[in-house]
Amino acid sequence: MAKGAKASVNRSESIREYLKMVPKASPSEIKQALAAKGVKVSDSLISAVKYRKPTGKKKKPGRKKGRPAGTSAKQAAGSSISIDSLMAASKLVETLGGVDNAAKAINVLKRLQS
């Protein structure tokens, strides 16, 4: 041991042991019982030990449901379009005078098909 250090009782363990014997003991009862044994503990330590939630193995959060693992929205949309389709879309955009006009035409076509 270090110079000047004295062997002390583990106060938290003393509280746990007392709670095993008297599970429904209040913090003030625990403090009085341990003081009789010569163990000085604070109210906050007693409450922290008595009311703490047991820490078990923490579960790692999984992926959110929805898309398959490993794909993003851009990958999912882009993976099903071939080069030929992209070339045709490029010609459509050129013919209609821009991407905005092509998008409007596609929206009108969707409404007509529904």
PDB file of N, CA and C in Angstrom:
ATOM      1  N   MET A   1       0.830  -1.185   0.000  1.00  0.00           N
ATOM      2  CA  MET A   1       0.000   0.000   0.000  1.00  0.00           C
ATOM      3  C   MET A   1       0.865   1.235   0.000  1.00  0.00           C
ATOM      4  N   ALA A   2       0.277   2.321  -0.440  1.00  0.00           N
ATOM      5  CA  ALA A   2       1.004   3.582  -0.475  1.00  0.00           C
ATOM      6  C   ALA A   2       1.193   4.091   0.946  1.00  0.00           C
ATOM      7  N   LYS A   3       2.177   4.938   1.086  1.00  0.00           N
ATOM      8  CA  LYS A   3       2.483   5.482   2.404  1.00  0.00           C
ATOM      9  C   LYS A   3       1.326   6.353   2.892  1.00  0.00           C
ATOM     10  N   GLY A   4       0.848   6.130   4.043  1.00  0.00           N
ATOM     11  CA  GLY A   4      -0.222   6.919   4.637  1.00  0.00           C
ATOM     12  C   GLY A   4      -1.615   6.424   4.279  1.00  0.00           C
ATOM     13  N   ALA A   5      -1.716   5.475   3.360  1.00  0.00           N
ATOM     14  CA  ALA A   5      -3.042   4.969   2.984  1.00  0.00           C
ATOM     15  C   ALA A   5      -3.460   3.909   3.977  1.00  0.00           C
ATOM     16  N   LYS A   6      -4.727   3.949   4.342  1.00  0.00           N
ATOM     17  CA  LYS A   6      -5.201   2.928   5.269  1.00  0.00           C
ATOM     18  C   LYS A   6      -6.186   2.014   4.551  1.00  0.00           C
ATOM     19  N   ALA A   7      -6.242   0.792   4.969  1.00  0.00           N
ATOM     20  CA  ALA A   7      -7.147  -0.175   4.358  1.00  0.00           C
ATOM     21  C   ALA A   7      -8.583   0.243   4.674  1.00  0.00           C
ATOM     22  N   SER A   8      -9.377   0.427   3.628  1.00  0.00           N
ATOM     23  CA  SER A   8     -10.754   0.848   3.852  1.00  0.00           C
ATOM     24  C   SER A   8     -11.713  -0.208   3.319  1.00  0.00           C
ATOM     25  N   VAL A   9     -12.915  -0.129   3.803  1.00  0.00           N
ATOM     26  CA  VAL A   9     -13.955  -1.055   3.405  1.00  0.00           C
ATOM     27  C   VAL A   9     -14.560  -0.523   2.107  1.00  0.00           C
ATOM     28  N   ASN A  10     -14.874  -1.410   1.203  1.00  0.00           N
ATOM     29  CA  ASN A  10     -15.546  -0.995  -0.014  1.00  0.00           C
ATOM     30  C   ASN A  10     -16.980  -0.642   0.366  1.00  0.00           C
ATOM     31  N   ARG A  11     -17.282   0.638   0.350  1.00  0.00           N
ATOM     32  CA  ARG A  11     -18.585   1.114   0.834  1.00  0.00           C
ATOM     33  C   ARG A  11     -19.728   0.639  -0.055  1.00  0.00           C
ATOM     34  N   SER A  12     -19.516   0.659  -1.357  1.00  0.00           N
ATOM     35  CA  SER A  12     -20.574   0.203  -2.266  1.00  0.00           C
ATOM     36  C   SER A  12     -20.893  -1.270  -2.035  1.00  0.00           C
ATOM     37  N   GLU A  13     -19.855  -2.057  -1.836  1.00  0.00           N
ATOM     38  CA  GLU A  13     -20.073  -3.493  -1.596  1.00  0.00           C
ATOM     39  C   GLU A  13     -20.789  -3.711  -0.262  1.00  0.00           C
ATOM     40  N   SER A  14     -20.460  -2.885   0.737  1.00  0.00           N
ATOM     41  CA  SER A  14     -21.148  -2.989   2.028  1.00  0.00           C
ATOM     42  C   SER A  14     -22.640  -2.705   1.869  1.00  0.00           C
ATOM     43  N   ILE A  15     -22.961  -1.718   1.041  1.00  0.00           N
ATOM     44  CA  ILE A  15     -24.370  -1.385   0.793  1.00  0.00           C
ATOM     45  C   ILE A  15     -25.057  -2.550   0.089  1.00  0.00           C
ATOM     46  N   ARG A  16     -24.398  -3.125  -0.920  1.00  0.00           N
ATOM     47  CA  ARG A  16     -24.986  -4.263  -1.652  1.00  0.00           C
ATOM     48  C   ARG A  16     -25.227  -5.453  -0.731  1.00  0.00           C
ATOM     49  N   GLU A  17     -24.272  -5.731   0.135  1.00  0.00           N
ATOM     50  CA  GLU A  17     -24.427  -6.854   1.069  1.00  0.00           C
ATOM     51  C   GLU A  17     -25.611  -6.618   1.993  1.00  0.00           C
ATOM     52  N   TYR A  18     -25.754  -5.388   2.493  1.00  0.00           N
ATOM     53  CA  TYR A  18     -26.877  -5.090   3.380  1.00  0.00           C
ATOM     54  C   TYR A  18     -28.196  -5.218   2.620  1.00  0.00           C
ATOM     55  N   LEU A  19     -28.209  -4.773   1.377  1.00  0.00           N
ATOM     56  CA  LEU A  19     -29.431  -4.883   0.580  1.00  0.00           C
ATOM     57  C   LEU A  19     -29.794  -6.332   0.269  1.00  0.00           C
ATOM     58  N   LYS A  20     -28.795  -7.220   0.215  1.00  0.00           N
ATOM     59  CA  LYS A  20     -29.093  -8.644   0.026  1.00  0.00           C
ATOM     60  C   LYS A  20     -29.816  -9.199   1.252  1.00  0.00           C
ATOM     61  N   MET A  21     -29.407  -8.719   2.429  1.00  0.00           N
ATOM     62  CA  MET A  21     -30.053  -9.183   3.663  1.00  0.00           C
ATOM     63  C   MET A  21     -31.422  -8.542   3.850  1.00  0.00           C
ATOM     64  N   VAL A  22     -31.527  -7.246   3.566  1.00  0.00           N
ATOM     65  CA  VAL A  22     -32.777  -6.502   3.762  1.00  0.00           C
ATOM     66  C   VAL A  22     -33.087  -5.752   2.456  1.00  0.00           C
ATOM     67  N   PRO A  23     -33.723  -6.419   1.483  1.00  0.00           N
ATOM     68  CA  PRO A  23     -33.930  -5.813   0.173  1.00  0.00           C
ATOM     69  C   PRO A  23     -34.794  -4.546   0.173  1.00  0.00           C
ATOM     70  N   LYS A  24     -35.733  -4.433   1.093  1.00  0.00           N
ATOM     71  CA  LYS A  24     -36.640  -3.287   1.097  1.00  0.00           C
ATOM     72  C   LYS A  24     -36.206  -2.179   2.051  1.00  0.00           C
ATOM     73  N   ALA A  25     -34.963  -2.187   2.465  1.00  0.00           N
ATOM     74  CA  ALA A  25     -34.470  -1.174   3.399  1.00  0.00           C
ATOM     75  C   ALA A  25     -34.398   0.183   2.711  1.00  0.00           C
ATOM     76  N   SER A  26     -34.769   1.211   3.458  1.00  0.00           N
ATOM     77  CA  SER A  26     -34.688   2.580   2.925  1.00  0.00           C
ATOM     78  C   SER A  26     -33.252   3.078   3.057  1.00  0.00           C
ATOM     79  N   PRO A  27     -32.900   4.117   2.301  1.00  0.00           N
ATOM     80  CA  PRO A  27     -31.538   4.644   2.404  1.00  0.00           C
ATOM     81  C   PRO A  27     -31.148   5.072   3.824  1.00  0.00           C
ATOM     82  N   SER A  28     -32.104   5.630   4.573  1.00  0.00           N
ATOM     83  CA  SER A  28     -31.763   6.049   5.935  1.00  0.00           C
ATOM     84  C   SER A  28     -31.519   4.830   6.836  1.00  0.00           C
ATOM     85  N   GLU A  29     -32.276   3.750   6.633  1.00  0.00           N
ATOM     86  CA  GLU A  29     -32.040   2.523   7.418  1.00  0.00           C
ATOM     87  C   GLU A  29     -30.668   1.938   7.094  1.00  0.00           C
ATOM     88  N   ILE A  30     -30.316   1.955   5.823  1.00  0.00           N
ATOM     89  CA  ILE A  30     -29.018   1.430   5.404  1.00  0.00           C
ATOM     90  C   ILE A  30     -27.893   2.253   6.029  1.00  0.00           C
ATOM     91  N   LYS A  31     -28.054   3.568   6.023  1.00  0.00           N
ATOM     92  CA  LYS A  31     -27.032   4.451   6.579  1.00  0.00           C
ATOM     93  C   LYS A  31     -26.836   4.185   8.068  1.00  0.00           C
ATOM     94  N   GLN A  32     -27.940   4.015   8.794  1.00  0.00           N
ATOM     95  CA  GLN A  32     -27.852   3.752  10.237  1.00  0.00           C
ATOM     96  C   GLN A  32     -27.196   2.400  10.508  1.00  0.00           C
ATOM     97  N   ALA A  33     -27.582   1.382   9.741  1.00  0.00           N
ATOM     98  CA  ALA A  33     -27.031   0.040   9.964  1.00  0.00           C
ATOM     99  C   ALA A  33     -25.526   0.013   9.675  1.00  0.00           C
ATOM    100  N   LEU A  34     -25.118   0.671   8.603  1.00  0.00           N
ATOM    101  CA  LEU A  34     -23.692   0.666   8.268  1.00  0.00           C
ATOM    102  C   LEU A  34     -22.888   1.550   9.225  1.00  0.00           C
ATOM    103  N   ALA A  35     -23.500   2.614   9.719  1.00  0.00           N
ATOM    104  CA  ALA A  35     -22.820   3.460  10.697  1.00  0.00           C
ATOM    105  C   ALA A  35     -22.555   2.672  11.979  1.00  0.00           C
ATOM    106  N   ALA A  36     -23.487   1.772  12.348  1.00  0.00           N
ATOM    107  CA  ALA A  36     -23.293   0.938  13.533  1.00  0.00           C
ATOM    108  C   ALA A  36     -22.106  -0.004  13.351  1.00  0.00           C
ATOM    109  N   LYS A  37     -21.832  -0.382  12.087  1.00  0.00           N
ATOM    110  CA  LYS A  37     -20.687  -1.250  11.809  1.00  0.00           C
ATOM    111  C   LYS A  37     -19.401  -0.450  11.626  1.00  0.00           C
ATOM    112  N   GLY A  38     -19.511   0.882  11.635  1.00  0.00           N
ATOM    113  CA  GLY A  38     -18.334   1.729  11.490  1.00  0.00           C
ATOM    114  C   GLY A  38     -18.039   2.115  10.043  1.00  0.00           C
ATOM    115  N   VAL A  39     -18.995   1.895   9.156  1.00  0.00           N
ATOM    116  CA  VAL A  39     -18.800   2.259   7.753  1.00  0.00           C
ATOM    117  C   VAL A  39     -19.571   3.548   7.503  1.00  0.00           C
ATOM    118  N   LYS A  40     -18.854   4.594   7.121  1.00  0.00           N
ATOM    119  CA  LYS A  40     -19.488   5.889   6.898  1.00  0.00           C
ATOM    120  C   LYS A  40     -19.806   6.028   5.399  1.00  0.00           C
ATOM    121  N   VAL A  41     -21.106   6.183   5.081  1.00  0.00           N
ATOM    122  CA  VAL A  41     -21.537   6.314   3.688  1.00  0.00           C
ATOM    123  C   VAL A  41     -22.468   7.515   3.550  1.00  0.00           C
ATOM    124  N   SER A  42     -22.491   8.093   2.369  1.00  0.00           N
ATOM    125  CA  SER A  42     -23.363   9.241   2.132  1.00  0.00           C
ATOM    126  C   SER A  42     -24.707   8.762   1.583  1.00  0.00           C
ATOM    127  N   ASP A  43     -25.701   9.624   1.704  1.00  0.00           N
ATOM    128  CA  ASP A  43     -27.031   9.291   1.195  1.00  0.00           C
ATOM    129  C   ASP A  43     -27.004   9.114  -0.317  1.00  0.00           C
ATOM    130  N   SER A  44     -26.228   9.946  -0.989  1.00  0.00           N
ATOM    131  CA  SER A  44     -26.183   9.862  -2.447  1.00  0.00           C
ATOM    132  C   SER A  44     -25.547   8.554  -2.924  1.00  0.00           C
ATOM    133  N   LEU A  45     -24.535   8.070  -2.216  1.00  0.00           N
ATOM    134  CA  LEU A  45     -23.925   6.791  -2.577  1.00  0.00           C
ATOM    135  C   LEU A  45     -24.913   5.652  -2.364  1.00  0.00           C
ATOM    136  N   ILE A  46     -25.628   5.699  -1.266  1.00  0.00           N
ATOM    137  CA  ILE A  46     -26.621   4.646  -0.990  1.00  0.00           C
ATOM    138  C   ILE A  46     -27.675   4.631  -2.091  1.00  0.00           C
ATOM    139  N   SER A  47     -28.187   5.792  -2.457  1.00  0.00           N
ATOM    140  CA  SER A  47     -29.206   5.860  -3.501  1.00  0.00           C
ATOM    141  C   SER A  47     -28.655   5.394  -4.844  1.00  0.00           C
ATOM    142  N   ALA A  48     -27.420   5.777  -5.135  1.00  0.00           N
ATOM    143  CA  ALA A  48     -26.822   5.374  -6.408  1.00  0.00           C
ATOM    144  C   ALA A  48     -26.677   3.864  -6.496  1.00  0.00           C
ATOM    145  N   VAL A  49     -26.265   3.234  -5.398  1.00  0.00           N
ATOM    146  CA  VAL A  49     -26.080   1.778  -5.398  1.00  0.00           C
ATOM    147  C   VAL A  49     -27.428   1.066  -5.377  1.00  0.00           C
ATOM    148  N   LYS A  50     -28.351   1.551  -4.570  1.00  0.00           N
ATOM    149  CA  LYS A  50     -29.637   0.872  -4.411  1.00  0.00           C
ATOM    150  C   LYS A  50     -30.489   0.961  -5.675  1.00  0.00           C
ATOM    151  N   TYR A  51     -30.528   2.120  -6.313  1.00  0.00           N
ATOM    152  CA  TYR A  51     -31.460   2.334  -7.407  1.00  0.00           C
ATOM    153  C   TYR A  51     -30.847   2.243  -8.800  1.00  0.00           C
ATOM    154  N   ARG A  52     -29.590   1.896  -8.889  1.00  0.00           N
ATOM    155  CA  ARG A  52     -28.995   1.793 -10.225  1.00  0.00           C
ATOM    156  C   ARG A  52     -29.579   0.599 -10.952  1.00  0.00           C
ATOM    157  N   LYS A  53     -29.665   0.733 -12.274  1.00  0.00           N
ATOM    158  CA  LYS A  53     -30.186  -0.366 -13.083  1.00  0.00           C
ATOM    159  C   LYS A  53     -29.023  -1.274 -13.433  1.00  0.00           C
ATOM    160  N   PRO A  54     -29.233  -2.579 -13.380  1.00  0.00           N
ATOM    161  CA  PRO A  54     -28.139  -3.490 -13.699  1.00  0.00           C
ATOM    162  C   PRO A  54     -27.718  -3.335 -15.163  1.00  0.00           C
ATOM    163  N   THR A  55     -26.423  -3.328 -15.370  1.00  0.00           N
ATOM    164  CA  THR A  55     -25.926  -3.214 -16.730  1.00  0.00           C
ATOM    165  C   THR A  55     -25.609  -4.604 -17.228  1.00  0.00           C
ATOM    166  N   GLY A  56     -26.332  -5.014 -18.205  1.00  0.00           N
ATOM    167  CA  GLY A  56     -26.069  -6.303 -18.832  1.00  0.00           C
ATOM    168  C   GLY A  56     -25.311  -6.063 -20.115  1.00  0.00           C
ATOM    169  N   LYS A  57     -25.336  -7.030 -20.962  1.00  0.00           N
ATOM    170  CA  LYS A  57     -24.702  -6.871 -22.246  1.00  0.00           C
ATOM    171  C   LYS A  57     -25.570  -5.926 -23.068  1.00  0.00           C
ATOM    172  N   LYS A  58     -24.982  -4.828 -23.485  1.00  0.00           N
ATOM    173  CA  LYS A  58     -25.750  -3.846 -24.248  1.00  0.00           C
ATOM    174  C   LYS A  58     -25.860  -4.308 -25.692  1.00  0.00           C
ATOM    175  N   LYS A  59     -27.057  -4.217 -26.206  1.00  0.00           N
ATOM    176  CA  LYS A  59     -27.319  -4.663 -27.549  1.00  0.00           C
ATOM    177  C   LYS A  59     -26.995  -3.535 -28.521  1.00  0.00           C
ATOM    178  N   LYS A  60     -26.240  -3.858 -29.542  1.00  0.00           N
ATOM    179  CA  LYS A  60     -25.911  -2.859 -30.550  1.00  0.00           C
ATOM    180  C   LYS A  60     -27.141  -2.634 -31.419  1.00  0.00           C
ATOM    181  N   PRO A  61     -27.389  -1.386 -31.782  1.00  0.00           N
ATOM    182  CA  PRO A  61     -28.542  -1.137 -32.633  1.00  0.00           C
ATOM    183  C   PRO A  61     -28.302  -1.701 -34.029  1.00  0.00           C
ATOM    184  N   GLY A  62     -29.302  -2.316 -34.580  1.00  0.00           N
ATOM    185  CA  GLY A  62     -29.193  -2.882 -35.922  1.00  0.00           C
ATOM    186  C   GLY A  62     -29.571  -1.851 -36.966  1.00  0.00           C
ATOM    187  N   ARG A  63     -29.564  -2.271 -38.191  1.00  0.00           N
ATOM    188  CA  ARG A  63     -29.934  -1.342 -39.251  1.00  0.00           C
ATOM    189  C   ARG A  63     -31.436  -1.151 -39.255  1.00  0.00           C
ATOM    190  N   LYS A  64     -31.868  -0.023 -39.776  1.00  0.00           N
ATOM    191  CA  LYS A  64     -33.285   0.264 -39.840  1.00  0.00           C
ATOM    192  C   LYS A  64     -33.913  -0.549 -40.960  1.00  0.00           C
ATOM    193  N   LYS A  65     -35.158  -0.931 -40.768  1.00  0.00           N
ATOM    194  CA  LYS A  65     -35.856  -1.709 -41.779  1.00  0.00           C
ATOM    195  C   LYS A  65     -36.193  -0.823 -42.960  1.00  0.00           C
ATOM    196  N   GLY A  66     -36.271  -1.411 -44.102  1.00  0.00           N
ATOM    197  CA  GLY A  66     -36.587  -0.655 -45.307  1.00  0.00           C
ATOM    198  C   GLY A  66     -35.812  -1.211 -46.473  1.00  0.00           C
ATOM    199  N   ARG A  67     -34.710  -0.566 -46.785  1.00  0.00           N
ATOM    200  CA  ARG A  67     -33.890  -0.999 -47.902  1.00  0.00           C
ATOM    201  C   ARG A  67     -33.037  -2.189 -47.513  1.00  0.00           C
ATOM    202  N   PRO A  68     -32.659  -3.017 -48.474  1.00  0.00           N
ATOM    203  CA  PRO A  68     -31.738  -4.110 -48.173  1.00  0.00           C
ATOM    204  C   PRO A  68     -30.388  -3.564 -47.715  1.00  0.00           C
ATOM    205  N   ALA A  69     -29.680  -4.323 -46.945  1.00  0.00           N
ATOM    206  CA  ALA A  69     -28.388  -3.882 -46.425  1.00  0.00           C
ATOM    207  C   ALA A  69     -27.422  -3.611 -47.561  1.00  0.00           C
ATOM    208  N   GLY A  70     -26.662  -2.533 -47.412  1.00  0.00           N
ATOM    209  CA  GLY A  70     -25.613  -2.229 -48.373  1.00  0.00           C
ATOM    210  C   GLY A  70     -26.058  -1.421 -49.574  1.00  0.00           C
ATOM    211  N   THR A  71     -27.311  -0.967 -49.628  1.00  0.00           N
ATOM    212  CA  THR A  71     -27.733  -0.147 -50.761  1.00  0.00           C
ATOM    213  C   THR A  71     -28.292   1.166 -50.262  1.00  0.00           C
ATOM    214  N   SER A  72     -27.992   2.196 -50.982  1.00  0.00           N
ATOM    215  CA  SER A  72     -28.569   3.494 -50.672  1.00  0.00           C
ATOM    216  C   SER A  72     -29.641   3.786 -51.710  1.00  0.00           C
ATOM    217  N   ALA A  73     -30.361   4.850 -51.533  1.00  0.00           N
ATOM    218  CA  ALA A  73     -31.428   5.194 -52.474  1.00  0.00           C
ATOM    219  C   ALA A  73     -30.850   5.457 -53.868  1.00  0.00           C
ATOM    220  N   LYS A  74     -29.706   6.122 -53.914  1.00  0.00           N
ATOM    221  CA  LYS A  74     -29.092   6.414 -55.208  1.00  0.00           C
ATOM    222  C   LYS A  74     -28.628   5.131 -55.901  1.00  0.00           C
ATOM    223  N   GLN A  75     -28.048   4.209 -55.128  1.00  0.00           N
ATOM    224  CA  GLN A  75     -27.586   2.957 -55.708  1.00  0.00           C
ATOM    225  C   GLN A  75     -28.760   2.133 -56.206  1.00  0.00           C
ATOM    226  N   ALA A  76     -29.844   2.100 -55.421  1.00  0.00           N
ATOM    227  CA  ALA A  76     -31.004   1.299 -55.804  1.00  0.00           C
ATOM    228  C   ALA A  76     -31.624   1.827 -57.086  1.00  0.00           C
ATOM    229  N   ALA A  77     -31.703   3.150 -57.236  1.00  0.00           N
ATOM    230  CA  ALA A  77     -32.295   3.741 -58.431  1.00  0.00           C
ATOM    231  C   ALA A  77     -31.350   3.611 -59.622  1.00  0.00           C
ATOM    232  N   GLY A  78     -30.065   3.798 -59.386  1.00  0.00           N
ATOM    233  CA  GLY A  78     -29.110   3.804 -60.481  1.00  0.00           C
ATOM    234  C   GLY A  78     -28.721   2.432 -60.979  1.00  0.00           C
ATOM    235  N   SER A  79     -28.874   1.410 -60.205  1.00  0.00           N
ATOM    236  CA  SER A  79     -28.390   0.093 -60.598  1.00  0.00           C
ATOM    237  C   SER A  79     -29.287  -0.578 -61.627  1.00  0.00           C
ATOM    238  N   SER A  80     -30.541  -0.144 -61.774  1.00  0.00           N
ATOM    239  CA  SER A  80     -31.452  -0.824 -62.690  1.00  0.00           C
ATOM    240  C   SER A  80     -31.521  -0.140 -64.055  1.00  0.00           C
ATOM    241  N   ILE A  81     -30.775   0.929 -64.271  1.00  0.00           N
ATOM    242  CA  ILE A  81     -30.814   1.647 -65.536  1.00  0.00           C
ATOM    243  C   ILE A  81     -29.571   1.287 -66.349  1.00  0.00           C
ATOM    244  N   SER A  82     -29.810   0.864 -67.567  1.00  0.00           N
ATOM    245  CA  SER A  82     -28.684   0.486 -68.426  1.00  0.00           C
ATOM    246  C   SER A  82     -28.139   1.712 -69.155  1.00  0.00           C
ATOM    247  N   ILE A  83     -27.008   1.539 -69.798  1.00  0.00           N
ATOM    248  CA  ILE A  83     -26.386   2.613 -70.574  1.00  0.00           C
ATOM    249  C   ILE A  83     -27.294   3.009 -71.738  1.00  0.00           C
ATOM    250  N   ASP A  84     -27.920   2.014 -72.365  1.00  0.00           N
ATOM    251  CA  ASP A  84     -28.816   2.298 -73.488  1.00  0.00           C
ATOM    252  C   ASP A  84     -29.981   3.172 -73.041  1.00  0.00           C
ATOM    253  N   SER A  85     -30.520   2.888 -71.834  1.00  0.00           N
ATOM    254  CA  SER A  85     -31.632   3.689 -71.317  1.00  0.00           C
ATOM    255  C   SER A  85     -31.178   5.112 -71.023  1.00  0.00           C
ATOM    256  N   LEU A  86     -29.974   5.251 -70.503  1.00  0.00           N
ATOM    257  CA  LEU A  86     -29.445   6.589 -70.235  1.00  0.00           C
ATOM    258  C   LEU A  86     -29.245   7.383 -71.524  1.00  0.00           C
ATOM    259  N   MET A  87     -28.785   6.713 -72.564  1.00  0.00           N
ATOM    260  CA  MET A  87     -28.594   7.384 -73.861  1.00  0.00           C
ATOM    261  C   MET A  87     -29.938   7.838 -74.422  1.00  0.00           C
ATOM    262  N   ALA A  88     -30.957   6.989 -74.285  1.00  0.00           N
ATOM    263  CA  ALA A  88     -32.290   7.348 -74.769  1.00  0.00           C
ATOM    264  C   ALA A  88     -32.847   8.521 -73.969  1.00  0.00           C
ATOM    265  N   ALA A  89     -32.617   8.517 -72.648  1.00  0.00           N
ATOM    266  CA  ALA A  89     -33.080   9.612 -71.800  1.00  0.00           C
ATOM    267  C   ALA A  89     -32.374  10.909 -72.177  1.00  0.00           C
ATOM    268  N   SER A  90     -31.094  10.814 -72.495  1.00  0.00           N
ATOM    269  CA  SER A  90     -30.330  11.990 -72.903  1.00  0.00           C
ATOM    270  C   SER A  90     -30.896  12.581 -74.194  1.00  0.00           C
ATOM    271  N   LYS A  91     -31.251  11.706 -75.144  1.00  0.00           N
ATOM    272  CA  LYS A  91     -31.847  12.178 -76.402  1.00  0.00           C
ATOM    273  C   LYS A  91     -33.198  12.829 -76.149  1.00  0.00           C
ATOM    274  N   LEU A  92     -33.994  12.263 -75.210  1.00  0.00           N
ATOM    275  CA  LEU A  92     -35.300  12.829 -74.866  1.00  0.00           C
ATOM    276  C   LEU A  92     -35.138  14.226 -74.275  1.00  0.00           C
ATOM    277  N   VAL A  93     -34.193  14.365 -73.367  1.00  0.00           N
ATOM    278  CA  VAL A  93     -33.937  15.663 -72.735  1.00  0.00           C
ATOM    279  C   VAL A  93     -33.522  16.679 -73.793  1.00  0.00           C
ATOM    280  N   GLU A  94     -32.665  16.247 -74.723  1.00  0.00           N
ATOM    281  CA  GLU A  94     -32.210  17.129 -75.798  1.00  0.00           C
ATOM    282  C   GLU A  94     -33.377  17.555 -76.691  1.00  0.00           C
ATOM    283  N   THR A  95     -34.239  16.590 -77.007  1.00  0.00           N
ATOM    284  CA  THR A  95     -35.377  16.856 -77.881  1.00  0.00           C
ATOM    285  C   THR A  95     -36.368  17.816 -77.239  1.00  0.00           C
ATOM    286  N   LEU A  96     -36.619  17.638 -75.936  1.00  0.00           N
ATOM    287  CA  LEU A  96     -37.622  18.456 -75.242  1.00  0.00           C
ATOM    288  C   LEU A  96     -37.067  19.788 -74.744  1.00  0.00           C
ATOM    289  N   GLY A  97     -35.783  19.993 -74.835  1.00  0.00           N
ATOM    290  CA  GLY A  97     -35.219  21.292 -74.485  1.00  0.00           C
ATOM    291  C   GLY A  97     -34.810  21.435 -73.035  1.00  0.00           C
ATOM    292  N   GLY A  98     -34.444  20.368 -72.374  1.00  0.00           N
ATOM    293  CA  GLY A  98     -33.928  20.462 -71.010  1.00  0.00           C
ATOM    294  C   GLY A  98     -34.540  19.418 -70.082  1.00  0.00           C
ATOM    295  N   VAL A  99     -33.893  19.261 -68.930  1.00  0.00           N
ATOM    296  CA  VAL A  99     -34.318  18.260 -67.947  1.00  0.00           C
ATOM    297  C   VAL A  99     -35.680  18.616 -67.360  1.00  0.00           C
ATOM    298  N   ASP A 100     -35.920  19.908 -67.104  1.00  0.00           N
ATOM    299  CA  ASP A 100     -37.206  20.319 -66.522  1.00  0.00           C
ATOM    300  C   ASP A 100     -38.363  19.982 -67.450  1.00  0.00           C
ATOM    301  N   ASN A 101     -38.200  20.264 -68.753  1.00  0.00           N
ATOM    302  CA  ASN A 101     -39.258  19.956 -69.716  1.00  0.00           C
ATOM    303  C   ASN A 101     -39.477  18.453 -69.829  1.00  0.00           C
ATOM    304  N   ALA A 102     -38.387  17.687 -69.768  1.00  0.00           N
ATOM    305  CA  ALA A 102     -38.500  16.235 -69.842  1.00  0.00           C
ATOM    306  C   ALA A 102     -39.226  15.694 -68.608  1.00  0.00           C
ATOM    307  N   ALA A 103     -38.932  16.249 -67.436  1.00  0.00           N
ATOM    308  CA  ALA A 103     -39.600  15.814 -66.206  1.00  0.00           C
ATOM    309  C   ALA A 103     -41.085  16.130 -66.265  1.00  0.00           C
ATOM    310  N   LYS A 104     -41.437  17.319 -66.787  1.00  0.00           N
ATOM    311  CA  LYS A 104     -42.859  17.671 -66.928  1.00  0.00           C
ATOM    312  C   LYS A 104     -43.559  16.705 -67.876  1.00  0.00           C
ATOM    313  N   ALA A 105     -42.903  16.387 -68.985  1.00  0.00           N
ATOM    314  CA  ALA A 105     -43.495  15.470 -69.955  1.00  0.00           C
ATOM    315  C   ALA A 105     -43.696  14.082 -69.339  1.00  0.00           C
ATOM    316  N   ILE A 106     -42.740  13.630 -68.547  1.00  0.00           N
ATOM    317  CA  ILE A 106     -42.862  12.316 -67.901  1.00  0.00           C
ATOM    318  C   ILE A 106     -43.996  12.325 -66.889  1.00  0.00           C
ATOM    319  N   ASN A 107     -44.157  13.413 -66.141  1.00  0.00           N
ATOM    320  CA  ASN A 107     -45.264  13.514 -65.177  1.00  0.00           C
ATOM    321  C   ASN A 107     -46.617  13.486 -65.872  1.00  0.00           C
ATOM    322  N   VAL A 108     -46.728  14.170 -67.004  1.00  0.00           N
ATOM    323  CA  VAL A 108     -47.984  14.146 -67.774  1.00  0.00           C
ATOM    324  C   VAL A 108     -48.240  12.742 -68.291  1.00  0.00           C
ATOM    325  N   LEU A 109     -47.194  12.084 -68.758  1.00  0.00           N
ATOM    326  CA  LEU A 109     -47.334  10.710 -69.253  1.00  0.00           C
ATOM    327  C   LEU A 109     -47.786   9.765 -68.140  1.00  0.00           C
ATOM    328  N   LYS A 110     -47.258   9.957 -66.907  1.00  0.00           N
ATOM    329  CA  LYS A 110     -47.683   9.127 -65.762  1.00  0.00           C
ATOM    330  C   LYS A 110     -49.174   9.294 -65.502  1.00  0.00           C
ATOM    331  N   ARG A 111     -49.636  10.564 -65.556  1.00  0.00           N
ATOM    332  CA  ARG A 111     -51.066  10.829 -65.300  1.00  0.00           C
ATOM    333  C   ARG A 111     -51.945  10.203 -66.375  1.00  0.00           C
ATOM    334  N   LEU A 112     -51.484  10.234 -67.620  1.00  0.00           N
ATOM    335  CA  LEU A 112     -52.268   9.656 -68.706  1.00  0.00           C
ATOM    336  C   LEU A 112     -52.351   8.142 -68.599  1.00  0.00           C
ATOM    337  N   GLN A 113     -51.292   7.517 -68.108  1.00  0.00           N
ATOM    338  CA  GLN A 113     -51.258   6.053 -67.997  1.00  0.00           C
ATOM    339  C   GLN A 113     -52.050   5.553 -66.788  1.00  0.00           C
ATOM    340  N   SER A 114     -52.303   6.380 -65.822  1.00  0.00           N
ATOM    341  CA  SER A 114     -53.005   5.940 -64.617  1.00  0.00           C
ATOM    342  C   SER A 114     -54.488   5.821 -64.847  1.00  0.00           C
TER     343      SER A 114
END
